[in-house]
C-alpha atoms as a PDB file:
ATOM      1  CA  MET A   1      26.464  -0.662  -7.430  1.00  0.00           C
ATOM      2  CA  SER A   2      24.394  -3.524  -6.014  1.00  0.00           C
ATOM      3  CA  LYS A   3      20.637  -3.129  -5.918  1.00  0.00           C
ATOM      4  CA  ILE A   4      18.600  -3.726  -2.781  1.00  0.00           C
ATOM      5  CA  THR A   5      15.015  -4.410  -1.752  1.00  0.00           C
ATOM      6  CA  ILE A   6      13.341  -1.621   0.210  1.00  0.00           C
ATOM      7  CA  ALA A   7      10.215  -2.561   2.180  1.00  0.00           C
ATOM      8  CA  ILE A   8       8.069   0.285   3.507  1.00  0.00           C
ATOM      9  CA  ASP A   9       5.226  -0.730   5.819  1.00  0.00           C
ATOM     10  CA  GLY A  10       2.873   1.275   7.991  1.00  0.00           C
ATOM     11  CA  PHE A  11      -0.622   2.444   8.753  1.00  0.00           C
ATOM     12  CA  SER A  12      -2.964   3.944   6.155  1.00  0.00           C
ATOM     13  CA  SER A  13      -2.302   7.510   4.984  1.00  0.00           C
ATOM     14  CA  THR A  14       1.203   7.693   6.422  1.00  0.00           C
ATOM     15  CA  GLY A  15       2.651   8.746   3.088  1.00  0.00           C
ATOM     16  CA  LYS A  16       4.179   5.335   2.320  1.00  0.00           C
ATOM     17  CA  SER A  17       3.326   5.480  -1.366  1.00  0.00           C
ATOM     18  CA  THR A  18       4.516   9.061  -1.765  1.00  0.00           C
ATOM     19  CA  VAL A  19       7.976   8.450  -0.353  1.00  0.00           C
ATOM     20  CA  ALA A  20       8.244   5.028  -2.020  1.00  0.00           C
ATOM     21  CA  LYS A  21       7.610   6.615  -5.430  1.00  0.00           C
ATOM     22  CA  GLN A  22      10.181   9.342  -4.709  1.00  0.00           C
ATOM     23  CA  ILE A  23      12.842   6.862  -3.635  1.00  0.00           C
ATOM     24  CA  ALA A  24      12.187   4.530  -6.576  1.00  0.00           C
ATOM     25  CA  LYS A  25      12.483   7.447  -9.009  1.00  0.00           C
ATOM     26  CA  GLU A  26      15.681   8.678  -7.338  1.00  0.00           C
ATOM     27  CA  LEU A  27      17.302   5.241  -7.557  1.00  0.00           C
ATOM     28  CA  GLY A  28      15.809   4.097 -10.863  1.00  0.00           C
ATOM     29  CA  TYR A  29      14.140   1.180  -9.050  1.00  0.00           C
ATOM     30  CA  VAL A  30      10.842  -0.589  -9.680  1.00  0.00           C
ATOM     31  CA  TYR A  31       8.034   0.780  -7.497  1.00  0.00           C
ATOM     32  CA  VAL A  32       5.129  -1.445  -6.422  1.00  0.00           C
ATOM     33  CA  ASP A  33       2.107  -0.129  -4.523  1.00  0.00           C
ATOM     34  CA  SER A  34       0.888  -3.346  -2.873  1.00  0.00           C
ATOM     35  CA  GLY A  35      -2.035  -1.524  -1.266  1.00  0.00           C
ATOM     36  CA  ALA A  36      -3.323  -0.637  -4.720  1.00  0.00           C
ATOM     37  CA  MET A  37      -3.447  -4.348  -5.526  1.00  0.00           C
ATOM     38  CA  TYR A  38      -5.719  -4.995  -2.539  1.00  0.00           C
ATOM     39  CA  ARG A  39      -7.811  -2.001  -3.541  1.00  0.00           C
ATOM     40  CA  ALA A  40      -8.131  -3.468  -7.044  1.00  0.00           C
ATOM     41  CA  ILE A  41      -9.427  -6.772  -5.655  1.00  0.00           C
ATOM     42  CA  THR A  42     -11.817  -4.811  -3.429  1.00  0.00           C
ATOM     43  CA  PHE A  43     -13.074  -2.817  -6.399  1.00  0.00           C
ATOM     44  CA  TYR A  44     -13.600  -6.079  -8.295  1.00  0.00           C
ATOM     45  CA  ALA A  45     -15.553  -7.483  -5.346  1.00  0.00           C
ATOM     46  CA  MET A  46     -17.749  -4.373  -5.210  1.00  0.00           C
ATOM     47  CA  GLN A  47     -18.379  -4.328  -8.958  1.00  0.00           C
ATOM     48  CA  ASN A  48     -19.394  -7.990  -8.950  1.00  0.00           C
ATOM     49  CA  GLY A  49     -21.686  -7.831  -5.935  1.00  0.00           C
ATOM     50  CA  PHE A  50     -19.482  -9.781  -3.532  1.00  0.00           C
ATOM     51  CA  ILE A  51     -19.318  -7.020  -0.928  1.00  0.00           C
ATOM     52  CA  ASP A  52     -21.410  -4.057   0.168  1.00  0.00           C
ATOM     53  CA  ASN A  53     -22.557  -2.509   3.431  1.00  0.00           C
ATOM     54  CA  ASN A  54     -24.864  -5.435   4.193  1.00  0.00           C
ATOM     55  CA  HIS A  55     -22.966  -8.566   3.179  1.00  0.00           C
ATOM     56  CA  PHE A  56     -19.634 -10.069   2.156  1.00  0.00           C
ATOM     57  CA  ASN A  57     -19.753 -13.191  -0.024  1.00  0.00           C
ATOM     58  CA  ILE A  58     -16.237 -14.433   0.710  1.00  0.00           C
ATOM     59  CA  ASP A  59     -16.682 -17.822  -0.963  1.00  0.00           C
ATOM     60  CA  GLY A  60     -17.982 -16.159  -4.116  1.00  0.00           C
ATOM     61  CA  LEU A  61     -15.000 -13.818  -4.312  1.00  0.00           C
ATOM     62  CA  VAL A  62     -12.478 -16.582  -3.614  1.00  0.00           C
ATOM     63  CA  SER A  63     -13.989 -18.752  -6.357  1.00  0.00           C
ATOM     64  CA  LYS A  64     -13.272 -16.014  -8.929  1.00  0.00           C
ATOM     65  CA  LEU A  65      -9.815 -14.927  -7.796  1.00  0.00           C
ATOM     66  CA  GLN A  66      -7.927 -16.893 -10.437  1.00  0.00           C
ATOM     67  CA  ASN A  67      -9.781 -14.862 -13.084  1.00  0.00           C
ATOM     68  CA  VAL A  68      -8.664 -11.524 -11.624  1.00  0.00           C
ATOM     69  CA  ARG A  69      -5.618  -9.918 -13.209  1.00  0.00           C
ATOM     70  CA  VAL A  70      -4.094  -6.870 -11.521  1.00  0.00           C
ATOM     71  CA  SER A  71      -1.223  -5.087 -13.258  1.00  0.00           C
ATOM     72  CA  PHE A  72       0.671  -1.791 -13.347  1.00  0.00           C
ATOM     73  CA  LYS A  73       1.352   0.299 -16.428  1.00  0.00           C
ATOM     74  CA  PHE A  74       3.733   3.247 -16.322  1.00  0.00           C
ATOM     75  CA  ASN A  75       2.161   6.586 -17.271  1.00  0.00           C
ATOM     76  CA  GLU A  76       4.942   8.829 -18.579  1.00  0.00           C
ATOM     77  CA  ALA A  77       2.790  11.948 -18.280  1.00  0.00           C
ATOM     78  CA  LEU A  78       2.146  11.317 -14.582  1.00  0.00           C
ATOM     79  CA  GLY A  79       5.530   9.817 -13.790  1.00  0.00           C
ATOM     80  CA  PHE A  80       4.212   6.715 -12.042  1.00  0.00           C
ATOM     81  CA  ALA A  81       2.536   3.389 -12.780  1.00  0.00           C
ATOM     82  CA  GLU A  82      -1.261   3.215 -12.735  1.00  0.00           C
ATOM     83  CA  VAL A  83      -3.330   0.218 -11.676  1.00  0.00           C
ATOM     84  CA  TYR A  84      -5.233  -1.894 -14.181  1.00  0.00           C
ATOM     85  CA  LEU A  85      -7.893  -4.522 -13.609  1.00  0.00           C
ATOM     86  CA  GLY A  86      -7.704  -6.655 -16.708  1.00  0.00           C
ATOM     87  CA  ASN A  87      -7.319  -4.057 -19.447  1.00  0.00           C
ATOM     88  CA  VAL A  88      -9.155  -1.273 -17.601  1.00  0.00           C
ATOM     89  CA  ASN A  89      -7.395   1.608 -15.849  1.00  0.00           C
ATOM     90  CA  ILE A  90      -8.939   1.833 -12.357  1.00  0.00           C
ATOM     91  CA  GLU A  91      -6.381   4.152 -10.730  1.00  0.00           C
ATOM     92  CA  LYS A  92      -8.993   6.798  -9.861  1.00  0.00           C
ATOM     93  CA  GLU A  93     -11.781   4.387  -8.933  1.00  0.00           C
ATOM     94  CA  ILE A  94      -9.753   2.556  -6.270  1.00  0.00           C
ATOM     95  CA  ARG A  95      -8.854   5.742  -4.362  1.00  0.00           C
ATOM     96  CA  THR A  96     -12.383   6.515  -3.154  1.00  0.00           C
ATOM     97  CA  LEU A  97     -13.483   6.462   0.493  1.00  0.00           C
ATOM     98  CA  GLU A  98     -15.983   3.708  -0.397  1.00  0.00           C
ATOM     99  CA  VAL A  99     -13.193   1.376  -1.538  1.00  0.00           C
ATOM    100  CA  SER A 100     -11.217   2.368   1.550  1.00  0.00           C
ATOM    101  CA  SER A 101     -14.122   1.311   3.754  1.00  0.00           C
ATOM    102  CA  PHE A 102     -14.011  -2.264   2.418  1.00  0.00           C
ATOM    103  CA  VAL A 103     -10.352  -2.882   1.589  1.00  0.00           C
ATOM    104  CA  SER A 104      -9.259  -4.006   5.065  1.00  0.00           C
ATOM    105  CA  LYS A 105     -12.069  -6.589   5.122  1.00  0.00           C
ATOM    106  CA  VAL A 106     -11.000  -7.978   1.751  1.00  0.00           C
ATOM    107  CA  ALA A 107      -7.363  -7.977   2.871  1.00  0.00           C
ATOM    108  CA  THR A 108      -8.186 -10.327   5.768  1.00  0.00           C
ATOM    109  CA  ILE A 109      -9.015 -13.150   3.336  1.00  0.00           C
ATOM    110  CA  SER A 110      -6.116 -15.619   3.270  1.00  0.00           C
ATOM    111  CA  GLU A 111      -6.690 -16.608  -0.370  1.00  0.00           C
ATOM    112  CA  VAL A 112      -6.530 -12.964  -1.443  1.00  0.00           C
ATOM    113  CA  ARG A 113      -3.301 -12.408   0.471  1.00  0.00           C
ATOM    114  CA  GLU A 114      -1.742 -15.604  -0.888  1.00  0.00           C
ATOM    115  CA  LEU A 115      -2.509 -14.632  -4.478  1.00  0.00           C
ATOM    116  CA  LEU A 116      -1.191 -11.095  -4.159  1.00  0.00           C
ATOM    117  CA  VAL A 117       1.902 -12.008  -2.143  1.00  0.00           C
ATOM    118  CA  GLN A 118       2.902 -14.392  -4.941  1.00  0.00           C
ATOM    119  CA  GLN A 119       2.438 -11.619  -7.517  1.00  0.00           C
ATOM    120  CA  GLN A 120       4.335  -9.110  -5.368  1.00  0.00           C
ATOM    121  CA  GLN A 121       7.295 -11.436  -4.898  1.00  0.00           C
ATOM    122  CA  LYS A 122       7.501 -11.990  -8.659  1.00  0.00           C
ATOM    123  CA  LEU A 123       7.507  -8.226  -9.258  1.00  0.00           C
ATOM    124  CA  GLY A 124      10.501  -7.874  -6.974  1.00  0.00           C
ATOM    125  CA  GLN A 125      12.655 -10.664  -8.398  1.00  0.00           C
ATOM    126  CA  ASN A 126      16.141  -9.907  -9.727  1.00  0.00           C
ATOM    127  CA  THR A 127      15.809  -6.125  -9.587  1.00  0.00           C
ATOM    128  CA  GLY A 128      15.991  -3.152  -7.273  1.00  0.00           C
ATOM    129  CA  VAL A 129      12.504  -2.624  -5.864  1.00  0.00           C
ATOM    130  CA  VAL A 130      10.694  -0.291  -3.500  1.00  0.00           C
ATOM    131  CA  MET A 131       7.426  -1.770  -2.256  1.00  0.00           C
ATOM    132  CA  ASP A 132       5.028  -0.330   0.289  1.00  0.00           C
ATOM    133  CA  GLY A 133       2.166  -1.964   2.131  1.00  0.00           C
ATOM    134  CA  ARG A 134       1.242  -3.659   5.398  1.00  0.00           C
ATOM    135  CA  ASP A 135       3.277  -6.891   5.386  1.00  0.00           C
ATOM    136  CA  ILE A 136       6.142  -6.228   2.985  1.00  0.00           C
ATOM    137  CA  GLY A 137       8.947  -6.479   5.522  1.00  0.00           C
ATOM    138  CA  THR A 138       7.354  -9.311   7.477  1.00  0.00           C
ATOM    139  CA  VAL A 139       5.868 -11.566   4.765  1.00  0.00           C
ATOM    140  CA  VAL A 140       6.578 -10.496   1.186  1.00  0.00           C
ATOM    141  CA  PHE A 141      10.280  -9.638   1.583  1.00  0.00           C
ATOM    142  CA  PRO A 142      11.382 -10.784   5.057  1.00  0.00           C
ATOM    143  CA  ASN A 143      15.007 -10.587   3.884  1.00  0.00           C
ATOM    144  CA  ALA A 144      14.791  -7.043   2.523  1.00  0.00           C
ATOM    145  CA  GLU A 145      18.013  -5.116   3.058  1.00  0.00           C
ATOM    146  CA  LEU A 146      16.101  -2.038   4.286  1.00  0.00           C
ATOM    147  CA  LYS A 147      12.808  -2.125   6.170  1.00  0.00           C
ATOM    148  CA  ILE A 148      10.988   1.027   7.207  1.00  0.00           C
ATOM    149  CA  PHE A 149       7.834   1.308   9.307  1.00  0.00           C
ATOM    150  CA  MET A 150       5.881   4.552   8.837  1.00  0.00           C
ATOM    151  CA  THR A 151       3.533   5.907  11.474  1.00  0.00           C
ATOM    152  CA  ALA A 152       1.683   9.099  12.431  1.00  0.00           C
ATOM    153  CA  SER A 153      -1.263   9.991  14.632  1.00  0.00           C
ATOM    154  CA  ALA A 154      -4.704   8.949  13.388  1.00  0.00           C
ATOM    155  CA  GLU A 155      -5.832  12.583  13.377  1.00  0.00           C
ATOM    156  CA  THR A 156      -2.877  13.676  11.257  1.00  0.00           C
ATOM    157  CA  ARG A 157      -3.443  10.863   8.786  1.00  0.00           C
ATOM    158  CA  ALA A 158      -7.171  11.546   8.567  1.00  0.00           C
ATOM    159  CA  LYS A 159      -6.528  15.227   7.814  1.00  0.00           C
ATOM    160  CA  ARG A 160      -4.112  14.284   5.034  1.00  0.00           C
ATOM    161  CA  ARG A 161      -6.605  11.850   3.534  1.00  0.00           C
ATOM    162  CA  TYR A 162      -9.472  14.332   3.880  1.00  0.00           C
ATOM    163  CA  ASP A 163      -7.490  17.077   2.105  1.00  0.00           C
ATOM    164  CA  GLU A 164      -6.557  14.644  -0.674  1.00  0.00           C
ATOM    165  CA  LEU A 165     -10.184  13.599  -1.247  1.00  0.00           C
ATOM    166  CA  ILE A 166     -11.458  17.183  -1.174  1.00  0.00           C
ATOM    167  CA  GLU A 167      -8.808  18.213  -3.696  1.00  0.00           C
ATOM    168  CA  ARG A 168     -10.023  15.407  -5.977  1.00  0.00           C
ATOM    169  CA  GLY A 169     -13.538  16.801  -5.761  1.00  0.00           C
ATOM    170  CA  ASP A 170     -14.991  14.086  -3.504  1.00  0.00           C
ATOM    171  CA  LYS A 171     -17.674  15.126  -1.028  1.00  0.00           C
ATOM    172  CA  VAL A 172     -16.528  13.795   2.336  1.00  0.00           C
ATOM    173  CA  VAL A 173     -16.748  14.714   6.009  1.00  0.00           C
ATOM    174  CA  TYR A 174     -13.599  14.761   8.147  1.00  0.00           C
ATOM    175  CA  GLU A 175     -15.219  12.731  10.924  1.00  0.00           C
ATOM    176  CA  ASP A 176     -16.076   9.971   8.445  1.00  0.00           C
ATOM    177  CA  VAL A 177     -12.489   9.906   7.181  1.00  0.00           C
ATOM    178  CA  LEU A 178     -11.122   9.738  10.744  1.00  0.00           C
ATOM    179  CA  ARG A 179     -13.494   6.892  11.584  1.00  0.00           C
ATOM    180  CA  ASN A 180     -12.371   5.024   8.454  1.00  0.00           C
ATOM    181  CA  VAL A 181      -8.700   5.465   9.389  1.00  0.00           C
ATOM    182  CA  GLN A 182      -9.307   4.177  12.921  1.00  0.00           C
ATOM    183  CA  GLU A 183     -11.355   1.203  11.718  1.00  0.00           C
ATOM    184  CA  ARG A 184      -8.706   0.257   9.153  1.00  0.00           C
ATOM    185  CA  ASP A 185      -5.988   0.531  11.786  1.00  0.00           C
ATOM    186  CA  TYR A 186      -7.861  -1.919  13.991  1.00  0.00           C
ATOM    187  CA  MET A 187      -8.624  -4.415  11.220  1.00  0.00           C
ATOM    188  CA  ASP A 188      -5.123  -4.253   9.731  1.00  0.00           C
ATOM    189  CA  SER A 189      -3.472  -4.787  13.127  1.00  0.00           C
ATOM    190  CA  ASN A 190      -5.812  -7.524  14.358  1.00  0.00           C
ATOM    191  CA  ARG A 191      -6.363  -9.763  11.325  1.00  0.00           C
ATOM    192  CA  LYS A 192      -5.160 -13.359  11.792  1.00  0.00           C
ATOM    193  CA  ASP A 193      -3.315 -13.598   8.472  1.00  0.00           C
ATOM    194  CA  SER A 194      -0.271 -11.307   8.150  1.00  0.00           C
ATOM    195  CA  PRO A 195      -1.349  -8.542  10.553  1.00  0.00           C
ATOM    196  CA  LEU A 196       0.221  -5.112  10.321  1.00  0.00           C
ATOM    197  CA  ILE A 197       3.189  -5.227  12.694  1.00  0.00           C
ATOM    198  CA  LYS A 198       6.604  -3.620  12.747  1.00  0.00           C
ATOM    199  CA  ALA A 199       9.321  -6.069  11.700  1.00  0.00           C
ATOM    200  CA  ASP A 200      11.964  -6.571  14.383  1.00  0.00           C
ATOM    201  CA  ASP A 201      14.653  -5.108  12.134  1.00  0.00           C
ATOM    202  CA  ALA A 202      12.544  -2.259  10.703  1.00  0.00           C
ATOM    203  CA  ILE A 203      13.397   1.398  11.321  1.00  0.00           C
ATOM    204  CA  GLU A 204      10.367   3.339  12.581  1.00  0.00           C
ATOM    205  CA  ILE A 205       9.671   6.837  11.276  1.00  0.00           C
ATOM    206  CA  ASP A 206       6.931   8.993  12.828  1.00  0.00           C
ATOM    207  CA  ASN A 207       6.206  11.598  10.177  1.00  0.00           C
ATOM    208  CA  SER A 208       3.430  13.450  12.027  1.00  0.00           C
ATOM    209  CA  ASN A 209       5.545  16.614  11.981  1.00  0.00           C
ATOM    210  CA  LEU A 210       7.657  16.023   8.877  1.00  0.00           C
ATOM    211  CA  THR A 211       7.203  17.729   5.527  1.00  0.00           C
ATOM    212  CA  LEU A 212       7.261  15.550   2.409  1.00  0.00           C
ATOM    213  CA  GLN A 213      10.755  16.806   1.620  1.00  0.00           C
ATOM    214  CA  GLU A 214      12.006  16.086   5.142  1.00  0.00           C
ATOM    215  CA  GLN A 215      10.520  12.610   4.986  1.00  0.00           C
ATOM    216  CA  PHE A 216      12.143  11.934   1.602  1.00  0.00           C
ATOM    217  CA  GLU A 217      15.554  13.120   2.800  1.00  0.00           C
ATOM    218  CA  LYS A 218      15.322  10.999   5.961  1.00  0.00           C
ATOM    219  CA  VAL A 219      14.490   7.841   4.011  1.00  0.00           C
ATOM    220  CA  LEU A 220      17.045   8.581   1.302  1.00  0.00           C
ATOM    221  CA  GLN A 221      19.759   8.862   3.951  1.00  0.00           C
ATOM    222  CA  LEU A 222      18.792   5.429   5.282  1.00  0.00           C
ATOM    223  CA  VAL A 223      18.951   4.050   1.739  1.00  0.00           C
ATOM    224  CA  LYS A 224      22.445   5.468   1.198  1.00  0.00           C
ATOM    225  CA  ILE A 225      23.682   3.974   4.461  1.00  0.00           C
ATOM    226  CA  THR A 226      22.206   0.589   3.534  1.00  0.00           C
ATOM    227  CA  LEU A 227      23.752   0.669   0.066  1.00  0.00           C
ATOM    228  CA  GLU A 228      27.137   1.455   1.562  1.00  0.00           C
ATOM    229  CA  ASP A 229      26.784  -1.448   4.002  1.00  0.00           C
ATOM    230  CA  CYS A 230      25.960  -3.787   1.095  1.00  0.00           C
ATOM    231  CA  GLU A 231      29.054  -2.886  -0.895  1.00  0.00           C
END
């Protein structure tokens, strides 16, 4: 059976990563969380004093980009690949609300996007791949056989994110999470370089009222149809 490229784009907290992991596991494909790569660069920028609430030293960050190495290592116990910055596992650190508050700003930098797009395209060469993000179907894999665009209301997405952070033990307020979701939506959709838009040939899925299982089954059905068409 031929292998295909599956591009899953959409707004933050729409469950892109969850369903992408499920589909990749079901098919035995490579899974790449492109958003985690931008979070890793953001974490690097925070750790090295390039960005905080008062300033963003873009030139300083860009000058160090070639020294930044982001990679994924599969964790058999967890069943998915974790993110590494250099040799350090930063999977937990990049999922905080603080990183979320800066990641869309970092993602607007053309040099950052150029570097990560190159890495993402290499990860998807000569293999079946499921990749989720903001510009996978429009920039990274414009010729992907299956493109999906995930969406849900901002309130629904904020509640999901809030519950996830609370379960992790983070101390957050729902209103702050909602504000972060809305701000990221605006920045992701209005940046000049590779803005978040639905590809013309992408299939839109509003999962506001779907369970995780219903979402998985809906996407899996689209995958099966695409695979049949590619035979």
